[in-house]
Amino acid sequence: MRAITYTAGATKQAAKETNKFAKASAAATREARNILLDCVIQSASLKNDAGLARLLVVAPPVISKIRHGRLAVGPTLAIAINEVTDISITDITVILAGQVAA
């Protein structure tokens, strides 16, 4: 097993990025969440939310709750989006912060 070492700077940078994402996700408007989900659907060439739920390995009601503002996009879902599409965590944060127009 290989040991993982962290430098203080890298840990602080990761903490800053996590904090940015948490703030953006908590403050995300319903429109920003919908833009994110639509970007993922378009990026993955999907047809609808059901296909998105299958791609992200979540139950369809999770996507519905995010669309209707009853559930925030959490870090686990952001990582899943990053893994299955070419959308970076930074881009996800920017979209959720409302800095991208539709």
PDB file of N, CA and C in Angstrom:
ATOM      1  N   MET A   1       0.845  -1.162   0.000  1.00  0.00           N
ATOM      2  CA  MET A   1       0.000   0.000   0.000  1.00  0.00           C
ATOM      3  C   MET A   1       0.899   1.237   0.000  1.00  0.00           C
ATOM      4  N   ARG A   2       0.561   2.185  -0.860  1.00  0.00           N
ATOM      5  CA  ARG A   2       1.352   3.381  -0.983  1.00  0.00           C
ATOM      6  C   ARG A   2       0.844   4.440  -0.015  1.00  0.00           C
ATOM      7  N   ALA A   3       1.761   5.080   0.668  1.00  0.00           N
ATOM      8  CA  ALA A   3       1.376   6.127   1.620  1.00  0.00           C
ATOM      9  C   ALA A   3       1.051   7.410   0.855  1.00  0.00           C
ATOM     10  N   ILE A   4       0.039   8.085   1.286  1.00  0.00           N
ATOM     11  CA  ILE A   4      -0.346   9.355   0.685  1.00  0.00           C
ATOM     12  C   ILE A   4       0.124  10.464   1.607  1.00  0.00           C
ATOM     13  N   THR A   5       0.870  11.380   1.037  1.00  0.00           N
ATOM     14  CA  THR A   5       1.352  12.502   1.841  1.00  0.00           C
ATOM     15  C   THR A   5       0.711  13.783   1.330  1.00  0.00           C
ATOM     16  N   TYR A   6       0.389  14.638   2.235  1.00  0.00           N
ATOM     17  CA  TYR A   6      -0.215  15.919   1.905  1.00  0.00           C
ATOM     18  C   TYR A   6       0.708  17.036   2.349  1.00  0.00           C
ATOM     19  N   THR A   7       0.747  18.058   1.547  1.00  0.00           N
ATOM     20  CA  THR A   7       1.478  19.249   1.978  1.00  0.00           C
ATOM     21  C   THR A   7       0.465  20.217   2.553  1.00  0.00           C
ATOM     22  N   ALA A   8       0.923  21.070   3.413  1.00  0.00           N
ATOM     23  CA  ALA A   8       0.010  22.017   4.061  1.00  0.00           C
ATOM     24  C   ALA A   8      -0.676  22.901   3.034  1.00  0.00           C
ATOM     25  N   GLY A   9       0.048  23.320   2.022  1.00  0.00           N
ATOM     26  CA  GLY A   9      -0.534  24.184   0.991  1.00  0.00           C
ATOM     27  C   GLY A   9      -1.632  23.479   0.209  1.00  0.00           C
ATOM     28  N   ALA A  10      -1.393  22.220  -0.137  1.00  0.00           N
ATOM     29  CA  ALA A  10      -2.381  21.469  -0.897  1.00  0.00           C
ATOM     30  C   ALA A  10      -3.638  21.236  -0.068  1.00  0.00           C
ATOM     31  N   THR A  11      -3.477  20.964   1.195  1.00  0.00           N
ATOM     32  CA  THR A  11      -4.627  20.745   2.073  1.00  0.00           C
ATOM     33  C   THR A  11      -5.432  22.030   2.212  1.00  0.00           C
ATOM     34  N   LYS A  12      -4.758  23.146   2.366  1.00  0.00           N
ATOM     35  CA  LYS A  12      -5.461  24.426   2.481  1.00  0.00           C
ATOM     36  C   LYS A  12      -6.188  24.761   1.182  1.00  0.00           C
ATOM     37  N   GLN A  13      -5.547  24.479   0.048  1.00  0.00           N
ATOM     38  CA  GLN A  13      -6.184  24.738  -1.244  1.00  0.00           C
ATOM     39  C   GLN A  13      -7.421  23.866  -1.409  1.00  0.00           C
ATOM     40  N   ALA A  14      -7.322  22.603  -1.047  1.00  0.00           N
ATOM     41  CA  ALA A  14      -8.477  21.705  -1.140  1.00  0.00           C
ATOM     42  C   ALA A  14      -9.605  22.186  -0.230  1.00  0.00           C
ATOM     43  N   ALA A  15      -9.252  22.662   0.951  1.00  0.00           N
ATOM     44  CA  ALA A  15     -10.261  23.170   1.879  1.00  0.00           C
ATOM     45  C   ALA A  15     -10.945  24.408   1.300  1.00  0.00           C
ATOM     46  N   LYS A  16     -10.177  25.259   0.648  1.00  0.00           N
ATOM     47  CA  LYS A  16     -10.767  26.462   0.033  1.00  0.00           C
ATOM     48  C   LYS A  16     -11.735  26.077  -1.080  1.00  0.00           C
ATOM     49  N   GLU A  17     -11.326  25.110  -1.919  1.00  0.00           N
ATOM     50  CA  GLU A  17     -12.184  24.670  -3.013  1.00  0.00           C
ATOM     51  C   GLU A  17     -13.462  24.028  -2.479  1.00  0.00           C
ATOM     52  N   THR A  18     -13.343  23.235  -1.426  1.00  0.00           N
ATOM     53  CA  THR A  18     -14.507  22.609  -0.812  1.00  0.00           C
ATOM     54  C   THR A  18     -15.440  23.667  -0.248  1.00  0.00           C
ATOM     55  N   ASN A  19     -14.876  24.683   0.390  1.00  0.00           N
ATOM     56  CA  ASN A  19     -15.671  25.755   0.960  1.00  0.00           C
ATOM     57  C   ASN A  19     -16.390  26.536  -0.136  1.00  0.00           C
ATOM     58  N   LYS A  20     -15.708  26.804  -1.255  1.00  0.00           N
ATOM     59  CA  LYS A  20     -16.332  27.509  -2.380  1.00  0.00           C
ATOM     60  C   LYS A  20     -17.514  26.710  -2.914  1.00  0.00           C
ATOM     61  N   PHE A  21     -17.297  25.392  -3.072  1.00  0.00           N
ATOM     62  CA  PHE A  21     -18.372  24.556  -3.586  1.00  0.00           C
ATOM     63  C   PHE A  21     -19.557  24.533  -2.630  1.00  0.00           C
ATOM     64  N   ALA A  22     -19.280  24.384  -1.348  1.00  0.00           N
ATOM     65  CA  ALA A  22     -20.350  24.324  -0.352  1.00  0.00           C
ATOM     66  C   ALA A  22     -21.175  25.605  -0.361  1.00  0.00           C
ATOM     67  N   LYS A  23     -20.499  26.743  -0.430  1.00  0.00           N
ATOM     68  CA  LYS A  23     -21.216  28.025  -0.467  1.00  0.00           C
ATOM     69  C   LYS A  23     -22.043  28.154  -1.737  1.00  0.00           C
ATOM     70  N   ALA A  24     -21.452  27.788  -2.874  1.00  0.00           N
ATOM     71  CA  ALA A  24     -22.164  27.895  -4.147  1.00  0.00           C
ATOM     72  C   ALA A  24     -23.367  26.960  -4.173  1.00  0.00           C
ATOM     73  N   SER A  25     -23.193  25.745  -3.682  1.00  0.00           N
ATOM     74  CA  SER A  25     -24.276  24.780  -3.693  1.00  0.00           C
ATOM     75  C   SER A  25     -25.426  25.211  -2.783  1.00  0.00           C
ATOM     76  N   ALA A  26     -25.081  25.717  -1.611  1.00  0.00           N
ATOM     77  CA  ALA A  26     -26.122  26.142  -0.662  1.00  0.00           C
ATOM     78  C   ALA A  26     -26.886  27.357  -1.169  1.00  0.00           C
ATOM     79  N   ALA A  27     -26.198  28.250  -1.881  1.00  0.00           N
ATOM     80  CA  ALA A  27     -26.831  29.484  -2.348  1.00  0.00           C
ATOM     81  C   ALA A  27     -27.383  29.364  -3.765  1.00  0.00           C
ATOM     82  N   ALA A  28     -27.238  28.208  -4.377  1.00  0.00           N
ATOM     83  CA  ALA A  28     -27.664  28.034  -5.769  1.00  0.00           C
ATOM     84  C   ALA A  28     -29.162  28.238  -5.910  1.00  0.00           C
ATOM     85  N   THR A  29     -29.517  28.977  -6.934  1.00  0.00           N
ATOM     86  CA  THR A  29     -30.937  29.169  -7.217  1.00  0.00           C
ATOM     87  C   THR A  29     -31.458  27.944  -7.961  1.00  0.00           C
ATOM     88  N   ARG A  30     -32.747  27.869  -8.027  1.00  0.00           N
ATOM     89  CA  ARG A  30     -33.373  26.765  -8.747  1.00  0.00           C
ATOM     90  C   ARG A  30     -32.951  26.791 -10.216  1.00  0.00           C
ATOM     91  N   GLU A  31     -32.859  27.992 -10.762  1.00  0.00           N
ATOM     92  CA  GLU A  31     -32.449  28.150 -12.159  1.00  0.00           C
ATOM     93  C   GLU A  31     -31.014  27.649 -12.369  1.00  0.00           C
ATOM     94  N   ALA A  32     -30.122  27.964 -11.440  1.00  0.00           N
ATOM     95  CA  ALA A  32     -28.724  27.529 -11.559  1.00  0.00           C
ATOM     96  C   ALA A  32     -28.620  26.005 -11.498  1.00  0.00           C
ATOM     97  N   ARG A  33     -29.399  25.388 -10.622  1.00  0.00           N
ATOM     98  CA  ARG A  33     -29.393  23.916 -10.543  1.00  0.00           C
ATOM     99  C   ARG A  33     -29.901  23.307 -11.841  1.00  0.00           C
ATOM    100  N   ASN A  34     -30.951  23.912 -12.401  1.00  0.00           N
ATOM    101  CA  ASN A  34     -31.498  23.407 -13.659  1.00  0.00           C
ATOM    102  C   ASN A  34     -30.500  23.573 -14.800  1.00  0.00           C
ATOM    103  N   ILE A  35     -29.779  24.702 -14.817  1.00  0.00           N
ATOM    104  CA  ILE A  35     -28.757  24.908 -15.840  1.00  0.00           C
ATOM    105  C   ILE A  35     -27.686  23.825 -15.732  1.00  0.00           C
ATOM    106  N   LEU A  36     -27.262  23.521 -14.512  1.00  0.00           N
ATOM    107  CA  LEU A  36     -26.255  22.476 -14.315  1.00  0.00           C
ATOM    108  C   LEU A  36     -26.756  21.138 -14.836  1.00  0.00           C
ATOM    109  N   LEU A  37     -27.955  20.747 -14.451  1.00  0.00           N
ATOM    110  CA  LEU A  37     -28.492  19.459 -14.890  1.00  0.00           C
ATOM    111  C   LEU A  37     -28.648  19.426 -16.406  1.00  0.00           C
ATOM    112  N   ASP A  38     -29.089  20.540 -16.996  1.00  0.00           N
ATOM    113  CA  ASP A  38     -29.229  20.601 -18.448  1.00  0.00           C
ATOM    114  C   ASP A  38     -27.874  20.507 -19.145  1.00  0.00           C
ATOM    115  N   CYS A  39     -26.851  21.114 -18.555  1.00  0.00           N
ATOM    116  CA  CYS A  39     -25.494  21.011 -19.113  1.00  0.00           C
ATOM    117  C   CYS A  39     -25.006  19.572 -19.090  1.00  0.00           C
ATOM    118  N   VAL A  40     -25.290  18.869 -18.009  1.00  0.00           N
ATOM    119  CA  VAL A  40     -24.868  17.468 -17.903  1.00  0.00           C
ATOM    120  C   VAL A  40     -25.613  16.626 -18.934  1.00  0.00           C
ATOM    121  N   ILE A  41     -26.902  16.853 -19.080  1.00  0.00           N
ATOM    122  CA  ILE A  41     -27.699  16.108 -20.063  1.00  0.00           C
ATOM    123  C   ILE A  41     -27.148  16.350 -21.466  1.00  0.00           C
ATOM    124  N   GLN A  42     -26.848  17.609 -21.781  1.00  0.00           N
ATOM    125  CA  GLN A  42     -26.322  17.939 -23.097  1.00  0.00           C
ATOM    126  C   GLN A  42     -24.916  17.351 -23.296  1.00  0.00           C
ATOM    127  N   SER A  43     -24.076  17.467 -22.290  1.00  0.00           N
ATOM    128  CA  SER A  43     -22.706  16.967 -22.383  1.00  0.00           C
ATOM    129  C   SER A  43     -22.654  15.456 -22.575  1.00  0.00           C
ATOM    130  N   ALA A  44     -23.571  14.749 -21.944  1.00  0.00           N
ATOM    131  CA  ALA A  44     -23.591  13.287 -22.031  1.00  0.00           C
ATOM    132  C   ALA A  44     -24.508  12.774 -23.139  1.00  0.00           C
ATOM    133  N   SER A  45     -25.096  13.686 -23.920  1.00  0.00           N
ATOM    134  CA  SER A  45     -25.999  13.340 -25.027  1.00  0.00           C
ATOM    135  C   SER A  45     -27.167  12.474 -24.553  1.00  0.00           C
ATOM    136  N   LEU A  46     -27.767  12.900 -23.458  1.00  0.00           N
ATOM    137  CA  LEU A  46     -28.921  12.185 -22.918  1.00  0.00           C
ATOM    138  C   LEU A  46     -30.203  12.841 -23.389  1.00  0.00           C
ATOM    139  N   LYS A  47     -31.327  12.145 -23.206  1.00  0.00           N
ATOM    140  CA  LYS A  47     -32.605  12.680 -23.648  1.00  0.00           C
ATOM    141  C   LYS A  47     -33.408  13.324 -22.523  1.00  0.00           C
ATOM    142  N   ASN A  48     -33.260  12.815 -21.295  1.00  0.00           N
ATOM    143  CA  ASN A  48     -34.125  13.304 -20.224  1.00  0.00           C
ATOM    144  C   ASN A  48     -33.512  13.039 -18.850  1.00  0.00           C
ATOM    145  N   ASP A  49     -34.263  13.418 -17.820  1.00  0.00           N
ATOM    146  CA  ASP A  49     -33.790  13.254 -16.445  1.00  0.00           C
ATOM    147  C   ASP A  49     -33.660  11.788 -16.026  1.00  0.00           C
ATOM    148  N   ALA A  50     -34.470  10.934 -16.605  1.00  0.00           N
ATOM    149  CA  ALA A  50     -34.370   9.504 -16.272  1.00  0.00           C
ATOM    150  C   ALA A  50     -33.016   8.955 -16.723  1.00  0.00           C
ATOM    151  N   GLY A  51     -32.588   9.346 -17.918  1.00  0.00           N
ATOM    152  CA  GLY A  51     -31.273   8.933 -18.401  1.00  0.00           C
ATOM    153  C   GLY A  51     -30.164   9.519 -17.548  1.00  0.00           C
ATOM    154  N   LEU A  52     -30.361  10.741 -17.096  1.00  0.00           N
ATOM    155  CA  LEU A  52     -29.383  11.384 -16.218  1.00  0.00           C
ATOM    156  C   LEU A  52     -29.274  10.636 -14.897  1.00  0.00           C
ATOM    157  N   ALA A  53     -30.400  10.248 -14.336  1.00  0.00           N
ATOM    158  CA  ALA A  53     -30.405   9.503 -13.076  1.00  0.00           C
ATOM    159  C   ALA A  53     -29.660   8.174 -13.239  1.00  0.00           C
ATOM    160  N   ARG A  54     -29.893   7.490 -14.357  1.00  0.00           N
ATOM    161  CA  ARG A  54     -29.182   6.226 -14.606  1.00  0.00           C
ATOM    162  C   ARG A  54     -27.681   6.465 -14.744  1.00  0.00           C
ATOM    163  N   LEU A  55     -27.300   7.524 -15.455  1.00  0.00           N
ATOM    164  CA  LEU A  55     -25.887   7.825 -15.664  1.00  0.00           C
ATOM    165  C   LEU A  55     -25.170   8.128 -14.353  1.00  0.00           C
ATOM    166  N   LEU A  56     -25.839   8.881 -13.481  1.00  0.00           N
ATOM    167  CA  LEU A  56     -25.238   9.276 -12.207  1.00  0.00           C
ATOM    168  C   LEU A  56     -25.460   8.256 -11.098  1.00  0.00           C
ATOM    169  N   VAL A  57     -26.183   7.201 -11.405  1.00  0.00           N
ATOM    170  CA  VAL A  57     -26.487   6.118 -10.465  1.00  0.00           C
ATOM    171  C   VAL A  57     -27.183   6.672  -9.215  1.00  0.00           C
ATOM    172  N   VAL A  58     -28.244   7.432  -9.461  1.00  0.00           N
ATOM    173  CA  VAL A  58     -29.095   7.935  -8.383  1.00  0.00           C
ATOM    174  C   VAL A  58     -30.539   7.623  -8.748  1.00  0.00           C
ATOM    175  N   ALA A  59     -31.403   7.661  -7.770  1.00  0.00           N
ATOM    176  CA  ALA A  59     -32.821   7.437  -8.026  1.00  0.00           C
ATOM    177  C   ALA A  59     -33.404   8.656  -8.754  1.00  0.00           C
ATOM    178  N   PRO A  60     -34.339   8.448  -9.678  1.00  0.00           N
ATOM    179  CA  PRO A  60     -34.944   9.572 -10.405  1.00  0.00           C
ATOM    180  C   PRO A  60     -35.517  10.677  -9.504  1.00  0.00           C
ATOM    181  N   PRO A  61     -36.093  10.344  -8.332  1.00  0.00           N
ATOM    182  CA  PRO A  61     -36.586  11.425  -7.482  1.00  0.00           C
ATOM    183  C   PRO A  61     -35.491  12.389  -7.004  1.00  0.00           C
ATOM    184  N   VAL A  62     -34.242  11.938  -6.956  1.00  0.00           N
ATOM    185  CA  VAL A  62     -33.143  12.822  -6.556  1.00  0.00           C
ATOM    186  C   VAL A  62     -33.000  13.947  -7.575  1.00  0.00           C
ATOM    187  N   ILE A  63     -33.044  13.618  -8.848  1.00  0.00           N
ATOM    188  CA  ILE A  63     -32.939  14.626  -9.906  1.00  0.00           C
ATOM    189  C   ILE A  63     -34.135  15.571  -9.825  1.00  0.00           C
ATOM    190  N   SER A  64     -35.317  15.018  -9.606  1.00  0.00           N
ATOM    191  CA  SER A  64     -36.518  15.844  -9.488  1.00  0.00           C
ATOM    192  C   SER A  64     -36.428  16.807  -8.306  1.00  0.00           C
ATOM    193  N   LYS A  65     -35.939  16.319  -7.181  1.00  0.00           N
ATOM    194  CA  LYS A  65     -35.807  17.174  -5.998  1.00  0.00           C
ATOM    195  C   LYS A  65     -34.788  18.287  -6.224  1.00  0.00           C
ATOM    196  N   ILE A  66     -33.719  17.985  -6.939  1.00  0.00           N
ATOM    197  CA  ILE A  66     -32.737  19.029  -7.255  1.00  0.00           C
ATOM    198  C   ILE A  66     -33.376  20.061  -8.175  1.00  0.00           C
ATOM    199  N   ARG A  67     -34.088  19.613  -9.190  1.00  0.00           N
ATOM    200  CA  ARG A  67     -34.743  20.539 -10.128  1.00  0.00           C
ATOM    201  C   ARG A  67     -35.747  21.448  -9.431  1.00  0.00           C
ATOM    202  N   HIS A  68     -36.456  20.922  -8.443  1.00  0.00           N
ATOM    203  CA  HIS A  68     -37.486  21.708  -7.768  1.00  0.00           C
ATOM    204  C   HIS A  68     -36.981  22.443  -6.531  1.00  0.00           C
ATOM    205  N   GLY A  69     -35.686  22.395  -6.288  1.00  0.00           N
ATOM    206  CA  GLY A  69     -35.102  23.159  -5.197  1.00  0.00           C
ATOM    207  C   GLY A  69     -35.269  22.563  -3.816  1.00  0.00           C
ATOM    208  N   ARG A  70     -35.650  21.302  -3.734  1.00  0.00           N
ATOM    209  CA  ARG A  70     -35.823  20.666  -2.429  1.00  0.00           C
ATOM    210  C   ARG A  70     -34.570  19.929  -1.966  1.00  0.00           C
ATOM    211  N   LEU A  71     -33.571  19.823  -2.858  1.00  0.00           N
ATOM    212  CA  LEU A  71     -32.331  19.125  -2.532  1.00  0.00           C
ATOM    213  C   LEU A  71     -31.182  19.844  -3.228  1.00  0.00           C
ATOM    214  N   ALA A  72     -30.115  20.064  -2.492  1.00  0.00           N
ATOM    215  CA  ALA A  72     -28.938  20.725  -3.071  1.00  0.00           C
ATOM    216  C   ALA A  72     -28.060  19.708  -3.790  1.00  0.00           C
ATOM    217  N   VAL A  73     -27.235  20.213  -4.681  1.00  0.00           N
ATOM    218  CA  VAL A  73     -26.248  19.361  -5.335  1.00  0.00           C
ATOM    219  C   VAL A  73     -25.116  19.169  -4.341  1.00  0.00           C
ATOM    220  N   GLY A  74     -24.949  17.957  -3.865  1.00  0.00           N
ATOM    221  CA  GLY A  74     -23.922  17.677  -2.870  1.00  0.00           C
ATOM    222  C   GLY A  74     -22.588  17.342  -3.515  1.00  0.00           C
ATOM    223  N   PRO A  75     -21.550  17.260  -2.694  1.00  0.00           N
ATOM    224  CA  PRO A  75     -20.221  16.947  -3.219  1.00  0.00           C
ATOM    225  C   PRO A  75     -20.144  15.585  -3.913  1.00  0.00           C
ATOM    226  N   THR A  76     -20.874  14.615  -3.417  1.00  0.00           N
ATOM    227  CA  THR A  76     -20.861  13.285  -4.029  1.00  0.00           C
ATOM    228  C   THR A  76     -21.427  13.344  -5.440  1.00  0.00           C
ATOM    229  N   LEU A  77     -22.527  14.065  -5.606  1.00  0.00           N
ATOM    230  CA  LEU A  77     -23.134  14.190  -6.924  1.00  0.00           C
ATOM    231  C   LEU A  77     -22.235  15.004  -7.851  1.00  0.00           C
ATOM    232  N   ALA A  78     -21.588  16.035  -7.322  1.00  0.00           N
ATOM    233  CA  ALA A  78     -20.670  16.846  -8.134  1.00  0.00           C
ATOM    234  C   ALA A  78     -19.510  15.990  -8.639  1.00  0.00           C
ATOM    235  N   ILE A  79     -18.992  15.127  -7.797  1.00  0.00           N
ATOM    236  CA  ILE A  79     -17.902  14.232  -8.206  1.00  0.00           C
ATOM    237  C   ILE A  79     -18.399  13.250  -9.266  1.00  0.00           C
ATOM    238  N   ALA A  80     -19.607  12.735  -9.094  1.00  0.00           N
ATOM    239  CA  ALA A  80     -20.175  11.824 -10.089  1.00  0.00           C
ATOM    240  C   ALA A  80     -20.339  12.529 -11.437  1.00  0.00           C
ATOM    241  N   ILE A  81     -20.804  13.780 -11.403  1.00  0.00           N
ATOM    242  CA  ILE A  81     -20.947  14.561 -12.636  1.00  0.00           C
ATOM    243  C   ILE A  81     -19.583  14.741 -13.292  1.00  0.00           C
ATOM    244  N   ASN A  82     -18.585  15.065 -12.493  1.00  0.00           N
ATOM    245  CA  ASN A  82     -17.233  15.247 -13.002  1.00  0.00           C
ATOM    246  C   ASN A  82     -16.682  13.969 -13.625  1.00  0.00           C
ATOM    247  N   GLU A  83     -16.971  12.831 -13.034  1.00  0.00           N
ATOM    248  CA  GLU A  83     -16.442  11.559 -13.523  1.00  0.00           C
ATOM    249  C   GLU A  83     -17.082  11.107 -14.835  1.00  0.00           C
ATOM    250  N   VAL A  84     -18.361  11.406 -15.042  1.00  0.00           N
ATOM    251  CA  VAL A  84     -19.049  10.905 -16.233  1.00  0.00           C
ATOM    252  C   VAL A  84     -19.125  11.922 -17.367  1.00  0.00           C
ATOM    253  N   THR A  85     -18.750  13.159 -17.105  1.00  0.00           N
ATOM    254  CA  THR A  85     -18.748  14.188 -18.149  1.00  0.00           C
ATOM    255  C   THR A  85     -17.414  14.910 -18.136  1.00  0.00           C
ATOM    256  N   ASP A  86     -17.278  15.880 -19.007  1.00  0.00           N
ATOM    257  CA  ASP A  86     -16.057  16.677 -19.047  1.00  0.00           C
ATOM    258  C   ASP A  86     -16.202  17.977 -18.255  1.00  0.00           C
ATOM    259  N   ILE A  87     -17.196  18.057 -17.393  1.00  0.00           N
ATOM    260  CA  ILE A  87     -17.438  19.262 -16.600  1.00  0.00           C
ATOM    261  C   ILE A  87     -16.614  19.172 -15.313  1.00  0.00           C
ATOM    262  N   SER A  88     -15.738  20.147 -15.100  1.00  0.00           N
ATOM    263  CA  SER A  88     -14.873  20.128 -13.920  1.00  0.00           C
ATOM    264  C   SER A  88     -15.633  20.579 -12.678  1.00  0.00           C
ATOM    265  N   ILE A  89     -15.080  20.286 -11.531  1.00  0.00           N
ATOM    266  CA  ILE A  89     -15.679  20.714 -10.261  1.00  0.00           C
ATOM    267  C   ILE A  89     -15.721  22.239 -10.205  1.00  0.00           C
ATOM    268  N   THR A  90     -14.678  22.881 -10.718  1.00  0.00           N
ATOM    269  CA  THR A  90     -14.656  24.345 -10.755  1.00  0.00           C
ATOM    270  C   THR A  90     -15.802  24.876 -11.612  1.00  0.00           C
ATOM    271  N   ASP A  91     -16.038  24.256 -12.777  1.00  0.00           N
ATOM    272  CA  ASP A  91     -17.144  24.681 -13.639  1.00  0.00           C
ATOM    273  C   ASP A  91     -18.495  24.446 -12.957  1.00  0.00           C
ATOM    274  N   ILE A  92     -18.614  23.338 -12.249  1.00  0.00           N
ATOM    275  CA  ILE A  92     -19.862  23.057 -11.524  1.00  0.00           C
ATOM    276  C   ILE A  92     -20.106  24.141 -10.474  1.00  0.00           C
ATOM    277  N   THR A  93     -19.042  24.518  -9.768  1.00  0.00           N
ATOM    278  CA  THR A  93     -19.158  25.569  -8.762  1.00  0.00           C
ATOM    279  C   THR A  93     -19.575  26.891  -9.385  1.00  0.00           C
ATOM    280  N   VAL A  94     -18.980  27.219 -10.519  1.00  0.00           N
ATOM    281  CA  VAL A  94     -19.307  28.472 -11.202  1.00  0.00           C
ATOM    282  C   VAL A  94     -20.771  28.469 -11.659  1.00  0.00           C
ATOM    283  N   ILE A  95     -21.224  27.358 -12.202  1.00  0.00           N
ATOM    284  CA  ILE A  95     -22.617  27.267 -12.636  1.00  0.00           C
ATOM    285  C   ILE A  95     -23.554  27.419 -11.438  1.00  0.00           C
ATOM    286  N   LEU A  96     -23.272  26.727 -10.356  1.00  0.00           N
ATOM    287  CA  LEU A  96     -24.130  26.810  -9.169  1.00  0.00           C
ATOM    288  C   LEU A  96     -24.108  28.199  -8.532  1.00  0.00           C
ATOM    289  N   ALA A  97     -22.994  28.901  -8.685  1.00  0.00           N
ATOM    290  CA  ALA A  97     -22.901  30.254  -8.135  1.00  0.00           C
ATOM    291  C   ALA A  97     -23.676  31.259  -8.987  1.00  0.00           C
ATOM    292  N   GLY A  98     -24.194  30.792 -10.129  1.00  0.00           N
ATOM    293  CA  GLY A  98     -24.996  31.668 -10.981  1.00  0.00           C
ATOM    294  C   GLY A  98     -24.169  32.577 -11.842  1.00  0.00           C
ATOM    295  N   GLN A  99     -22.931  32.229 -12.098  1.00  0.00           N
ATOM    296  CA  GLN A  99     -22.047  33.084 -12.901  1.00  0.00           C
ATOM    297  C   GLN A  99     -22.061  32.704 -14.369  1.00  0.00           C
ATOM    298  N   VAL A 100     -22.951  31.785 -14.758  1.00  0.00           N
ATOM    299  CA  VAL A 100     -23.059  31.372 -16.147  1.00  0.00           C
ATOM    300  C   VAL A 100     -24.482  31.631 -16.587  1.00  0.00           C
ATOM    301  N   ALA A 101     -24.632  32.270 -17.740  1.00  0.00           N
ATOM    302  CA  ALA A 101     -25.969  32.544 -18.262  1.00  0.00           C
ATOM    303  C   ALA A 101     -26.480  31.331 -19.019  1.00  0.00           C
ATOM    304  N   ALA A 102     -27.789  31.197 -19.094  1.00  0.00           N
ATOM    305  CA  ALA A 102     -28.399  30.063 -19.779  1.00  0.00           C
ATOM    306  C   ALA A 102     -28.181  30.094 -21.217  1.00  0.00           C
TER     307      ALA A 102
END
